[in-house]
Amino acid sequence: MPDPTKLLLSIVELGGYPDFTPLYQRLGYQVAQERSMRKVLQFLKKNTPVVIVAEFNFQSDFRDRTSSLESLMAVVQRMPDTRVIVFYDKEQSHQLARLTERFPLTTLAFPIHETVLENALTTV
C-alpha cells in the first residue's frame, strides 16, 4: 500500500498524453492510478492523497454539472490538505472556469510539458 504521506492519485480517464508516473516517482510520490470516477470515489473512501492529478472532460450531457470532476471535488472538499491539478483542452477553458470559480484547482493546458507539471507539483 502506498505511503499516505506522499500519495499522488493519477486519474486517467481518456489519456492521450505521456505517462507522468516516472516524474511523480522521481519527486518522491507513491503513485496510485484509477481510470474511472466511480473507482476514484471508492479509492478516496480509504485513502487521502496529498495530490490528485486529473483530466477535465467537459460532458454536455450532464444536466447540472460540467464534468465528473465536480463529484471528485465534492469529496476533496473534506480533505483540506489535498491539492488538485487538472489537465484541460484550451477549447474547454470557459467550461472549466465554472469549476475554478468554486474550487481551488491548479490548471494546466494541453500539451502538458513535464517541466511545467514538475513546477506545479513542487508548488502545490
C-alpha atoms as a PDB file:
ATOM      1  CA  MET A   1       0.000   0.000   0.000  1.00  0.00           C
ATOM      2  CA  PRO A   2       1.372   3.453  -0.886  1.00  0.00           C
ATOM      3  CA  ASP A   3       2.784   5.739   1.808  1.00  0.00           C
ATOM      4  CA  PRO A   4      -0.154   8.069   2.597  1.00  0.00           C
ATOM      5  CA  THR A   5       2.148  10.982   3.433  1.00  0.00           C
ATOM      6  CA  LYS A   6       3.294  11.255  -0.198  1.00  0.00           C
ATOM      7  CA  LEU A   7       0.414   9.618  -2.072  1.00  0.00           C
ATOM      8  CA  LEU A   8      -0.427  11.003  -5.516  1.00  0.00           C
ATOM      9  CA  LEU A   9      -3.602   9.844  -7.247  1.00  0.00           C
ATOM     10  CA  SER A  10      -3.442   9.996 -11.037  1.00  0.00           C
ATOM     11  CA  ILE A  11      -6.859   9.870 -12.725  1.00  0.00           C
ATOM     12  CA  VAL A  12      -6.544   8.931 -16.398  1.00  0.00           C
ATOM     13  CA  GLU A  13      -9.985   8.630 -17.952  1.00  0.00           C
ATOM     14  CA  LEU A  14      -9.167   9.494 -21.578  1.00  0.00           C
ATOM     15  CA  GLY A  15      -5.378   9.811 -21.653  1.00  0.00           C
ATOM     16  CA  GLY A  16      -3.690  10.684 -24.905  1.00  0.00           C
ATOM     17  CA  TYR A  17      -0.726  12.322 -23.171  1.00  0.00           C
ATOM     18  CA  PRO A  18       2.523  10.975 -21.706  1.00  0.00           C
ATOM     19  CA  ASP A  19       2.507   8.792 -18.611  1.00  0.00           C
ATOM     20  CA  PHE A  20       3.983  11.061 -15.941  1.00  0.00           C
ATOM     21  CA  THR A  21       4.405   8.262 -13.365  1.00  0.00           C
ATOM     22  CA  PRO A  22       8.233   8.384 -13.609  1.00  0.00           C
ATOM     23  CA  LEU A  23       8.130  12.144 -12.850  1.00  0.00           C
ATOM     24  CA  TYR A  24       5.796  11.627  -9.901  1.00  0.00           C
ATOM     25  CA  GLN A  25       8.054   8.901  -8.514  1.00  0.00           C
ATOM     26  CA  ARG A  26      11.195  10.983  -9.060  1.00  0.00           C
ATOM     27  CA  LEU A  27       9.581  13.710  -6.941  1.00  0.00           C
ATOM     28  CA  GLY A  28       9.075  11.177  -4.144  1.00  0.00           C
ATOM     29  CA  TYR A  29       5.401  10.343  -4.599  1.00  0.00           C
ATOM     30  CA  GLN A  30       3.869   6.921  -4.243  1.00  0.00           C
ATOM     31  CA  VAL A  31       1.530   6.747  -7.253  1.00  0.00           C
ATOM     32  CA  ALA A  32      -1.936   5.241  -7.449  1.00  0.00           C
ATOM     33  CA  GLN A  33      -3.804   5.357 -10.751  1.00  0.00           C
ATOM     34  CA  GLU A  34      -7.503   4.998 -11.483  1.00  0.00           C
ATOM     35  CA  ARG A  35      -9.332   5.097 -14.805  1.00  0.00           C
ATOM     36  CA  SER A  36     -12.944   5.779 -13.776  1.00  0.00           C
ATOM     37  CA  MET A  37     -14.511   8.305 -11.429  1.00  0.00           C
ATOM     38  CA  ARG A  38     -16.528   5.553  -9.774  1.00  0.00           C
ATOM     39  CA  LYS A  39     -13.296   3.796  -8.760  1.00  0.00           C
ATOM     40  CA  VAL A  40     -11.744   7.106  -7.735  1.00  0.00           C
ATOM     41  CA  LEU A  41     -14.578   7.804  -5.311  1.00  0.00           C
ATOM     42  CA  GLN A  42     -14.171   4.314  -3.802  1.00  0.00           C
ATOM     43  CA  PHE A  43     -10.410   4.856  -3.526  1.00  0.00           C
ATOM     44  CA  LEU A  44     -10.924   8.152  -1.682  1.00  0.00           C
ATOM     45  CA  LYS A  45     -13.060   6.465   0.968  1.00  0.00           C
ATOM     46  CA  LYS A  46      -9.921   4.641   2.165  1.00  0.00           C
ATOM     47  CA  ASN A  47      -7.069   6.938   1.091  1.00  0.00           C
ATOM     48  CA  THR A  48      -6.180  10.615   1.354  1.00  0.00           C
ATOM     49  CA  PRO A  49      -3.692  11.628  -1.330  1.00  0.00           C
ATOM     50  CA  VAL A  50      -1.685  14.820  -0.956  1.00  0.00           C
ATOM     51  CA  VAL A  51      -2.064  15.480  -4.696  1.00  0.00           C
ATOM     52  CA  ILE A  52      -4.638  14.434  -7.268  1.00  0.00           C
ATOM     53  CA  VAL A  53      -3.872  14.859 -10.967  1.00  0.00           C
ATOM     54  CA  ALA A  54      -6.972  14.607 -13.156  1.00  0.00           C
ATOM     55  CA  GLU A  55      -8.324  15.487 -16.591  1.00  0.00           C
ATOM     56  CA  PHE A  56     -11.148  17.911 -17.269  1.00  0.00           C
ATOM     57  CA  ASN A  57     -13.515  16.245 -19.705  1.00  0.00           C
ATOM     58  CA  PHE A  58     -16.466  18.501 -20.433  1.00  0.00           C
ATOM     59  CA  GLN A  59     -19.632  16.442 -20.668  1.00  0.00           C
ATOM     60  CA  SER A  60     -22.506  18.375 -22.208  1.00  0.00           C
ATOM     61  CA  ASP A  61     -24.973  15.583 -21.415  1.00  0.00           C
ATOM     62  CA  PHE A  62     -24.734  16.324 -17.671  1.00  0.00           C
ATOM     63  CA  ARG A  63     -27.750  18.360 -16.654  1.00  0.00           C
ATOM     64  CA  ASP A  64     -26.387  20.048 -13.533  1.00  0.00           C
ATOM     65  CA  ARG A  65     -22.608  19.577 -13.853  1.00  0.00           C
ATOM     66  CA  THR A  66     -19.842  20.244 -16.352  1.00  0.00           C
ATOM     67  CA  SER A  67     -17.888  17.041 -15.694  1.00  0.00           C
ATOM     68  CA  SER A  68     -17.259  14.234 -13.259  1.00  0.00           C
ATOM     69  CA  LEU A  69     -14.653  16.454 -11.588  1.00  0.00           C
ATOM     70  CA  GLU A  70     -17.471  18.039  -9.618  1.00  0.00           C
ATOM     71  CA  SER A  71     -18.157  14.694  -7.942  1.00  0.00           C
ATOM     72  CA  LEU A  72     -14.459  14.423  -7.158  1.00  0.00           C
ATOM     73  CA  MET A  73     -14.275  17.935  -5.747  1.00  0.00           C
ATOM     74  CA  ALA A  74     -17.288  17.329  -3.506  1.00  0.00           C
ATOM     75  CA  VAL A  75     -15.213  14.620  -1.779  1.00  0.00           C
ATOM     76  CA  VAL A  76     -11.913  16.546  -1.888  1.00  0.00           C
ATOM     77  CA  GLN A  77     -13.509  19.494  -0.093  1.00  0.00           C
ATOM     78  CA  ARG A  78     -13.417  17.341   3.040  1.00  0.00           C
ATOM     79  CA  MET A  79      -9.649  16.810   2.546  1.00  0.00           C
ATOM     80  CA  PRO A  80      -8.136  20.223   3.332  1.00  0.00           C
ATOM     81  CA  ASP A  81      -4.536  19.124   2.694  1.00  0.00           C
ATOM     82  CA  THR A  82      -5.209  17.572  -0.730  1.00  0.00           C
ATOM     83  CA  ARG A  83      -4.305  19.640  -3.778  1.00  0.00           C
ATOM     84  CA  VAL A  84      -5.746  19.070  -7.255  1.00  0.00           C
ATOM     85  CA  ILE A  85      -4.027  19.608 -10.600  1.00  0.00           C
ATOM     86  CA  VAL A  86      -6.267  19.476 -13.669  1.00  0.00           C
ATOM     87  CA  PHE A  87      -5.215  18.943 -17.295  1.00  0.00           C
ATOM     88  CA  TYR A  88      -7.558  20.516 -19.861  1.00  0.00           C
ATOM     89  CA  ASP A  89      -8.041  21.371 -23.532  1.00  0.00           C
ATOM     90  CA  LYS A  90      -7.901  25.112 -24.202  1.00  0.00           C
ATOM     91  CA  GLU A  91     -11.199  24.865 -26.110  1.00  0.00           C
ATOM     92  CA  GLN A  92     -12.883  23.871 -22.847  1.00  0.00           C
ATOM     93  CA  SER A  93     -11.451  26.686 -20.739  1.00  0.00           C
ATOM     94  CA  HIS A  94     -14.785  28.521 -20.415  1.00  0.00           C
ATOM     95  CA  GLN A  95     -16.463  25.359 -19.036  1.00  0.00           C
ATOM     96  CA  LEU A  96     -13.514  24.752 -16.701  1.00  0.00           C
ATOM     97  CA  ALA A  97     -13.860  28.326 -15.423  1.00  0.00           C
ATOM     98  CA  ARG A  98     -17.164  27.315 -13.823  1.00  0.00           C
ATOM     99  CA  LEU A  99     -15.221  24.827 -11.686  1.00  0.00           C
ATOM    100  CA  THR A 100     -12.285  27.086 -10.858  1.00  0.00           C
ATOM    101  CA  GLU A 101     -14.714  29.706  -9.552  1.00  0.00           C
ATOM    102  CA  ARG A 102     -15.954  27.224  -6.950  1.00  0.00           C
ATOM    103  CA  PHE A 103     -12.931  25.047  -6.203  1.00  0.00           C
ATOM    104  CA  PRO A 104      -9.207  25.685  -5.701  1.00  0.00           C
ATOM    105  CA  LEU A 105      -7.548  23.996  -8.679  1.00  0.00           C
ATOM    106  CA  THR A 106      -4.204  24.260 -10.413  1.00  0.00           C
ATOM    107  CA  THR A 107      -4.899  24.025 -14.148  1.00  0.00           C
ATOM    108  CA  LEU A 108      -2.503  23.057 -16.931  1.00  0.00           C
ATOM    109  CA  ALA A 109      -3.495  23.279 -20.604  1.00  0.00           C
ATOM    110  CA  PHE A 110      -2.576  20.594 -23.120  1.00  0.00           C
ATOM    111  CA  PRO A 111       0.037  19.876 -24.274  1.00  0.00           C
ATOM    112  CA  ILE A 112       1.444  19.207 -20.810  1.00  0.00           C
ATOM    113  CA  HIS A 113       5.168  19.862 -20.585  1.00  0.00           C
ATOM    114  CA  GLU A 114       6.982  17.855 -17.936  1.00  0.00           C
ATOM    115  CA  THR A 115       8.822  20.899 -16.563  1.00  0.00           C
ATOM    116  CA  VAL A 116       5.560  22.840 -16.132  1.00  0.00           C
ATOM    117  CA  LEU A 117       3.969  19.873 -14.362  1.00  0.00           C
ATOM    118  CA  GLU A 118       7.042  19.465 -12.158  1.00  0.00           C
ATOM    119  CA  ASN A 119       6.842  23.139 -11.180  1.00  0.00           C
ATOM    120  CA  ALA A 120       3.139  22.753 -10.372  1.00  0.00           C
ATOM    121  CA  LEU A 121       3.838  19.685  -8.222  1.00  0.00           C
ATOM    122  CA  THR A 122       6.583  21.412  -6.264  1.00  0.00           C
ATOM    123  CA  THR A 123       4.406  24.453  -5.521  1.00  0.00           C
ATOM    124  CA  VAL A 124       1.128  22.744  -4.518  1.00  0.00           C
END
